[in-house]
Amino acid sequence: VAANEEGPLLASLTGGIAFANVTFGYTPE
């Protein structure tokens, strides 16, 4: 997980949080 220290700062939340078709596994299997 890259810290992205040079990336833009995240603005204060105004709308909401969304998961968009998220797939994740701790192992490939």
PDB file of all heavy atoms in Angstrom:
ATOM      1  N   VAL A   1       0.865  -1.182   0.000  1.00  0.00           N
ATOM      2  CA  VAL A   1       0.000   0.000   0.000  1.00  0.00           C
ATOM      3  C   VAL A   1       0.895   1.223   0.000  1.00  0.00           C
ATOM      4  O   VAL A   1       1.572   1.508   0.990  1.00  0.00           O
ATOM      5  CB  VAL A   1      -0.931   0.014   1.229  1.00  0.00           C
ATOM      6  CG1 VAL A   1      -1.724   1.309   1.284  1.00  0.00           C
ATOM      7  CG2 VAL A   1      -1.868  -1.187   1.188  1.00  0.00           C
ATOM      8  N   ALA A   2       0.925   1.941  -1.105  1.00  0.00           N
ATOM      9  CA  ALA A   2       1.806   3.104  -1.224  1.00  0.00           C
ATOM     10  C   ALA A   2       1.251   4.275  -0.417  1.00  0.00           C
ATOM     11  O   ALA A   2       0.061   4.576  -0.483  1.00  0.00           O
ATOM     12  CB  ALA A   2       1.948   3.503  -2.690  1.00  0.00           C
ATOM     13  N   ALA A   3       2.142   4.943   0.354  1.00  0.00           N
ATOM     14  CA  ALA A   3       1.712   6.071   1.184  1.00  0.00           C
ATOM     15  C   ALA A   3       1.349   7.282   0.328  1.00  0.00           C
ATOM     16  O   ALA A   3       0.572   8.142   0.754  1.00  0.00           O
ATOM     17  CB  ALA A   3       2.808   6.443   2.175  1.00  0.00           C
ATOM     18  N   ASN A   4       1.907   7.352  -0.882  1.00  0.00           N
ATOM     19  CA  ASN A   4       1.605   8.446  -1.811  1.00  0.00           C
ATOM     20  C   ASN A   4       1.790   9.806  -1.133  1.00  0.00           C
ATOM     21  O   ASN A   4       0.898  10.663  -1.150  1.00  0.00           O
ATOM     22  CB  ASN A   4       0.167   8.300  -2.338  1.00  0.00           C
ATOM     23  CG  ASN A   4      -0.060   9.103  -3.615  1.00  0.00           C
ATOM     24  OD1 ASN A   4       0.880   9.625  -4.209  1.00  0.00           O
ATOM     25  ND2 ASN A   4      -1.311   9.226  -4.022  1.00  0.00           N
ATOM     26  N   GLU A   5       2.983   9.987  -0.523  1.00  0.00           N
ATOM     27  CA  GLU A   5       3.236  11.204   0.246  1.00  0.00           C
ATOM     28  C   GLU A   5       3.190  12.467  -0.606  1.00  0.00           C
ATOM     29  O   GLU A   5       2.915  13.557  -0.095  1.00  0.00           O
ATOM     30  CB  GLU A   5       4.591  11.084   0.948  1.00  0.00           C
ATOM     31  CG  GLU A   5       4.617   9.977   2.000  1.00  0.00           C
ATOM     32  CD  GLU A   5       5.970   9.839   2.650  1.00  0.00           C
ATOM     33  OE1 GLU A   5       6.907  10.562   2.232  1.00  0.00           O
ATOM     34  OE2 GLU A   5       6.107   9.020   3.573  1.00  0.00           O
ATOM     35  N   GLU A   6       3.473  12.335  -1.883  1.00  0.00           N
ATOM     36  CA  GLU A   6       3.448  13.504  -2.772  1.00  0.00           C
ATOM     37  C   GLU A   6       2.067  13.743  -3.380  1.00  0.00           C
ATOM     38  O   GLU A   6       1.861  14.718  -4.099  1.00  0.00           O
ATOM     39  CB  GLU A   6       4.473  13.318  -3.909  1.00  0.00           C
ATOM     40  CG  GLU A   6       5.900  13.065  -3.428  1.00  0.00           C
ATOM     41  CD  GLU A   6       6.398  14.197  -2.554  1.00  0.00           C
ATOM     42  OE1 GLU A   6       6.096  15.362  -2.856  1.00  0.00           O
ATOM     43  OE2 GLU A   6       7.087  13.900  -1.550  1.00  0.00           O
ATOM     44  N   GLY A   7       1.123  12.838  -3.082  1.00  0.00           N
ATOM     45  CA  GLY A   7      -0.210  12.969  -3.655  1.00  0.00           C
ATOM     46  C   GLY A   7      -1.008  14.086  -3.012  1.00  0.00           C
ATOM     47  O   GLY A   7      -0.639  14.618  -1.953  1.00  0.00           O
ATOM     48  N   PRO A   8      -2.128  14.447  -3.607  1.00  0.00           N
ATOM     49  CA  PRO A   8      -2.966  15.515  -3.045  1.00  0.00           C
ATOM     50  C   PRO A   8      -3.578  15.085  -1.713  1.00  0.00           C
ATOM     51  O   PRO A   8      -3.798  13.899  -1.466  1.00  0.00           O
ATOM     52  CB  PRO A   8      -4.042  15.711  -4.113  1.00  0.00           C
ATOM     53  CG  PRO A   8      -4.102  14.403  -4.841  1.00  0.00           C
ATOM     54  CD  PRO A   8      -2.705  13.869  -4.835  1.00  0.00           C
ATOM     55  N   LEU A   9      -3.849  16.065  -0.862  1.00  0.00           N
ATOM     56  CA  LEU A   9      -4.492  15.783   0.413  1.00  0.00           C
ATOM     57  C   LEU A   9      -5.975  15.512   0.188  1.00  0.00           C
ATOM     58  O   LEU A   9      -6.609  16.142  -0.662  1.00  0.00           O
ATOM     59  CB  LEU A   9      -4.315  16.955   1.376  1.00  0.00           C
ATOM     60  CG  LEU A   9      -2.876  17.332   1.729  1.00  0.00           C
ATOM     61  CD1 LEU A   9      -2.863  18.527   2.682  1.00  0.00           C
ATOM     62  CD2 LEU A   9      -2.136  16.156   2.338  1.00  0.00           C
ATOM     63  N   LEU A  10      -6.513  14.572   0.939  1.00  0.00           N
ATOM     64  CA  LEU A  10      -7.928  14.237   0.817  1.00  0.00           C
ATOM     65  C   LEU A  10      -8.766  15.307   1.516  1.00  0.00           C
ATOM     66  O   LEU A  10      -8.561  15.595   2.697  1.00  0.00           O
ATOM     67  CB  LEU A  10      -8.202  12.871   1.441  1.00  0.00           C
ATOM     68  CG  LEU A  10      -9.637  12.346   1.322  1.00  0.00           C
ATOM     69  CD1 LEU A  10     -10.003  12.100  -0.137  1.00  0.00           C
ATOM     70  CD2 LEU A  10      -9.795  11.050   2.125  1.00  0.00           C
ATOM     71  N   ALA A  11      -9.701  15.895   0.780  1.00  0.00           N
ATOM     72  CA  ALA A  11     -10.558  16.931   1.352  1.00  0.00           C
ATOM     73  C   ALA A  11     -11.524  16.316   2.359  1.00  0.00           C
ATOM     74  O   ALA A  11     -11.788  15.112   2.349  1.00  0.00           O
ATOM     75  CB  ALA A  11     -11.337  17.627   0.237  1.00  0.00           C
ATOM     76  N   SER A  12     -12.037  17.150   3.252  1.00  0.00           N
ATOM     77  CA  SER A  12     -13.001  16.678   4.247  1.00  0.00           C
ATOM     78  C   SER A  12     -14.210  16.075   3.549  1.00  0.00           C
ATOM     79  O   SER A  12     -14.671  16.582   2.519  1.00  0.00           O
ATOM     80  CB  SER A  12     -13.446  17.835   5.144  1.00  0.00           C
ATOM     81  OG  SER A  12     -12.348  18.359   5.847  1.00  0.00           O
ATOM     82  N   LEU A  13     -14.724  15.001   4.127  1.00  0.00           N
ATOM     83  CA  LEU A  13     -15.843  14.281   3.524  1.00  0.00           C
ATOM     84  C   LEU A  13     -17.086  15.171   3.478  1.00  0.00           C
ATOM     85  O   LEU A  13     -17.497  15.735   4.486  1.00  0.00           O
ATOM     86  CB  LEU A  13     -16.135  13.012   4.336  1.00  0.00           C
ATOM     87  CG  LEU A  13     -17.156  12.052   3.734  1.00  0.00           C
ATOM     88  CD1 LEU A  13     -16.583  11.380   2.494  1.00  0.00           C
ATOM     89  CD2 LEU A  13     -17.539  10.986   4.773  1.00  0.00           C
ATOM     90  N   THR A  14     -17.662  15.291   2.296  1.00  0.00           N
ATOM     91  CA  THR A  14     -18.881  16.100   2.135  1.00  0.00           C
ATOM     92  C   THR A  14     -20.041  15.289   1.588  1.00  0.00           C
ATOM     93  O   THR A  14     -21.203  15.599   1.870  1.00  0.00           O
ATOM     94  CB  THR A  14     -18.612  17.283   1.187  1.00  0.00           C
ATOM     95  OG1 THR A  14     -18.153  16.778  -0.082  1.00  0.00           O
ATOM     96  CG2 THR A  14     -17.566  18.231   1.762  1.00  0.00           C
ATOM     97  N   GLY A  15     -19.742  14.273   0.811  1.00  0.00           N
ATOM     98  CA  GLY A  15     -20.807  13.472   0.206  1.00  0.00           C
ATOM     99  C   GLY A  15     -20.974  12.118   0.863  1.00  0.00           C
ATOM    100  O   GLY A  15     -21.946  11.872   1.575  1.00  0.00           O
ATOM    101  N   GLY A  16     -20.019  11.246   0.644  1.00  0.00           N
ATOM    102  CA  GLY A  16     -20.127   9.920   1.232  1.00  0.00           C
ATOM    103  C   GLY A  16     -18.993   9.016   0.804  1.00  0.00           C
ATOM    104  O   GLY A  16     -18.108   9.399   0.025  1.00  0.00           O
ATOM    105  N   ILE A  17     -19.031   7.817   1.323  1.00  0.00           N
ATOM    106  CA  ILE A  17     -18.027   6.784   1.047  1.00  0.00           C
ATOM    107  C   ILE A  17     -18.680   5.718   0.183  1.00  0.00           C
ATOM    108  O   ILE A  17     -19.834   5.344   0.414  1.00  0.00           O
ATOM    109  CB  ILE A  17     -17.514   6.164   2.362  1.00  0.00           C
ATOM    110  CG1 ILE A  17     -16.919   7.250   3.261  1.00  0.00           C
ATOM    111  CG2 ILE A  17     -16.514   5.059   2.092  1.00  0.00           C
ATOM    112  CD1 ILE A  17     -16.660   6.779   4.679  1.00  0.00           C
ATOM    113  N   ALA A  18     -17.944   5.231  -0.805  1.00  0.00           N
ATOM    114  CA  ALA A  18     -18.514   4.218  -1.698  1.00  0.00           C
ATOM    115  C   ALA A  18     -17.511   3.106  -1.963  1.00  0.00           C
ATOM    116  O   ALA A  18     -16.301   3.351  -2.046  1.00  0.00           O
ATOM    117  CB  ALA A  18     -18.949   4.859  -3.011  1.00  0.00           C
ATOM    118  N   PHE A  19     -18.024   1.900  -2.073  1.00  0.00           N
ATOM    119  CA  PHE A  19     -17.267   0.769  -2.583  1.00  0.00           C
ATOM    120  C   PHE A  19     -17.787   0.516  -3.991  1.00  0.00           C
ATOM    121  O   PHE A  19     -18.991   0.307  -4.181  1.00  0.00           O
ATOM    122  CB  PHE A  19     -17.481  -0.470  -1.719  1.00  0.00           C
ATOM    123  CG  PHE A  19     -16.623  -0.534  -0.490  1.00  0.00           C
ATOM    124  CD1 PHE A  19     -16.656   0.485   0.449  1.00  0.00           C
ATOM    125  CD2 PHE A  19     -15.773  -1.605  -0.278  1.00  0.00           C
ATOM    126  CE1 PHE A  19     -15.875   0.440   1.575  1.00  0.00           C
ATOM    127  CE2 PHE A  19     -14.975  -1.668   0.860  1.00  0.00           C
ATOM    128  CZ  PHE A  19     -15.026  -0.636   1.789  1.00  0.00           C
ATOM    129  N   ALA A  20     -16.879   0.554  -4.959  1.00  0.00           N
ATOM    130  CA  ALA A  20     -17.284   0.390  -6.354  1.00  0.00           C
ATOM    131  C   ALA A  20     -16.758  -0.934  -6.890  1.00  0.00           C
ATOM    132  O   ALA A  20     -15.572  -1.056  -7.246  1.00  0.00           O
ATOM    133  CB  ALA A  20     -16.764   1.550  -7.200  1.00  0.00           C
ATOM    134  N   ASN A  21     -17.613  -1.949  -6.886  1.00  0.00           N
ATOM    135  CA  ASN A  21     -17.293  -3.260  -7.443  1.00  0.00           C
ATOM    136  C   ASN A  21     -15.969  -3.801  -6.893  1.00  0.00           C
ATOM    137  O   ASN A  21     -15.079  -4.223  -7.622  1.00  0.00           O
ATOM    138  CB  ASN A  21     -17.224  -3.184  -8.978  1.00  0.00           C
ATOM    139  CG  ASN A  21     -17.299  -4.560  -9.620  1.00  0.00           C
ATOM    140  OD1 ASN A  21     -17.912  -5.474  -9.085  1.00  0.00           O
ATOM    141  ND2 ASN A  21     -16.658  -4.714 -10.762  1.00  0.00           N
ATOM    142  N   VAL A  22     -15.846  -3.792  -5.576  1.00  0.00           N
ATOM    143  CA  VAL A  22     -14.582  -4.140  -4.916  1.00  0.00           C
ATOM    144  C   VAL A  22     -14.455  -5.650  -4.758  1.00  0.00           C
ATOM    145  O   VAL A  22     -15.356  -6.318  -4.247  1.00  0.00           O
ATOM    146  CB  VAL A  22     -14.488  -3.459  -3.534  1.00  0.00           C
ATOM    147  CG1 VAL A  22     -13.315  -4.024  -2.736  1.00  0.00           C
ATOM    148  CG2 VAL A  22     -14.338  -1.956  -3.704  1.00  0.00           C
ATOM    149  N   THR A  23     -13.296  -6.157  -5.190  1.00  0.00           N
ATOM    150  CA  THR A  23     -12.926  -7.557  -4.988  1.00  0.00           C
ATOM    151  C   THR A  23     -11.565  -7.580  -4.310  1.00  0.00           C
ATOM    152  O   THR A  23     -10.650  -6.871  -4.720  1.00  0.00           O
ATOM    153  CB  THR A  23     -12.863  -8.327  -6.311  1.00  0.00           C
ATOM    154  OG1 THR A  23     -14.179  -8.383  -6.880  1.00  0.00           O
ATOM    155  CG2 THR A  23     -12.349  -9.739  -6.110  1.00  0.00           C
ATOM    156  N   PHE A  24     -11.451  -8.396  -3.252  1.00  0.00           N
ATOM    157  CA  PHE A  24     -10.183  -8.455  -2.525  1.00  0.00           C
ATOM    158  C   PHE A  24     -10.041  -9.809  -1.854  1.00  0.00           C
ATOM    159  O   PHE A  24     -11.003 -10.382  -1.349  1.00  0.00           O
ATOM    160  CB  PHE A  24     -10.113  -7.365  -1.448  1.00  0.00           C
ATOM    161  CG  PHE A  24      -8.913  -7.493  -0.543  1.00  0.00           C
ATOM    162  CD1 PHE A  24      -7.670  -7.055  -0.961  1.00  0.00           C
ATOM    163  CD2 PHE A  24      -9.028  -8.096   0.701  1.00  0.00           C
ATOM    164  CE1 PHE A  24      -6.560  -7.193  -0.149  1.00  0.00           C
ATOM    165  CE2 PHE A  24      -7.917  -8.244   1.525  1.00  0.00           C
ATOM    166  CZ  PHE A  24      -6.682  -7.788   1.101  1.00  0.00           C
ATOM    167  N   GLY A  25      -8.796 -10.311  -1.836  1.00  0.00           N
ATOM    168  CA  GLY A  25      -8.485 -11.539  -1.115  1.00  0.00           C
ATOM    169  C   GLY A  25      -7.118 -11.433  -0.480  1.00  0.00           C
ATOM    170  O   GLY A  25      -6.186 -10.873  -1.072  1.00  0.00           O
ATOM    171  N   TYR A  26      -6.978 -11.953   0.735  1.00  0.00           N
ATOM    172  CA  TYR A  26      -5.672 -11.935   1.405  1.00  0.00           C
ATOM    173  C   TYR A  26      -4.708 -12.906   0.744  1.00  0.00           C
ATOM    174  O   TYR A  26      -3.488 -12.741   0.841  1.00  0.00           O
ATOM    175  CB  TYR A  26      -5.846 -12.275   2.886  1.00  0.00           C
ATOM    176  CG  TYR A  26      -6.681 -11.266   3.630  1.00  0.00           C
ATOM    177  CD1 TYR A  26      -8.029 -11.513   3.897  1.00  0.00           C
ATOM    178  CD2 TYR A  26      -6.139 -10.054   4.035  1.00  0.00           C
ATOM    179  CE1 TYR A  26      -8.808 -10.582   4.566  1.00  0.00           C
ATOM    180  CE2 TYR A  26      -6.914  -9.111   4.703  1.00  0.00           C
ATOM    181  CZ  TYR A  26      -8.247  -9.385   4.961  1.00  0.00           C
ATOM    182  OH  TYR A  26      -9.018  -8.457   5.613  1.00  0.00           O
ATOM    183  N   THR A  27      -5.256 -13.928   0.106  1.00  0.00           N
ATOM    184  CA  THR A  27      -4.457 -14.866  -0.677  1.00  0.00           C
ATOM    185  C   THR A  27      -5.109 -15.000  -2.046  1.00  0.00           C
ATOM    186  O   THR A  27      -6.323 -14.797  -2.191  1.00  0.00           O
ATOM    187  CB  THR A  27      -4.391 -16.249   0.002  1.00  0.00           C
ATOM    188  OG1 THR A  27      -5.718 -16.795   0.091  1.00  0.00           O
ATOM    189  CG2 THR A  27      -3.794 -16.143   1.391  1.00  0.00           C
ATOM    190  N   PRO A  28      -4.337 -15.350  -3.067  1.00  0.00           N
ATOM    191  CA  PRO A  28      -4.919 -15.479  -4.418  1.00  0.00           C
ATOM    192  C   PRO A  28      -6.010 -16.547  -4.498  1.00  0.00           C
ATOM    193  O   PRO A  28      -6.895 -16.464  -5.346  1.00  0.00           O
ATOM    194  CB  PRO A  28      -3.705 -15.866  -5.284  1.00  0.00           C
ATOM    195  CG  PRO A  28      -2.510 -15.416  -4.507  1.00  0.00           C
ATOM    196  CD  PRO A  28      -2.876 -15.566  -3.064  1.00  0.00           C
ATOM    197  N   GLU A  29      -5.942 -17.535  -3.588  1.00  0.00           N
ATOM    198  CA  GLU A  29      -6.887 -18.655  -3.681  1.00  0.00           C
ATOM    199  C   GLU A  29      -8.265 -18.329  -3.107  1.00  0.00           C
ATOM    200  O   GLU A  29      -9.238 -19.004  -3.431  1.00  0.00           O
ATOM    201  CB  GLU A  29      -6.322 -19.877  -2.936  1.00  0.00           C
ATOM    202  CG  GLU A  29      -4.981 -20.381  -3.446  1.00  0.00           C
ATOM    203  CD  GLU A  29      -3.823 -19.553  -2.929  1.00  0.00           C
ATOM    204  OE1 GLU A  29      -3.988 -18.875  -1.884  1.00  0.00           O
ATOM    205  OE2 GLU A  29      -2.759 -19.554  -3.574  1.00  0.00           O
TER     206      GLU A  29
END
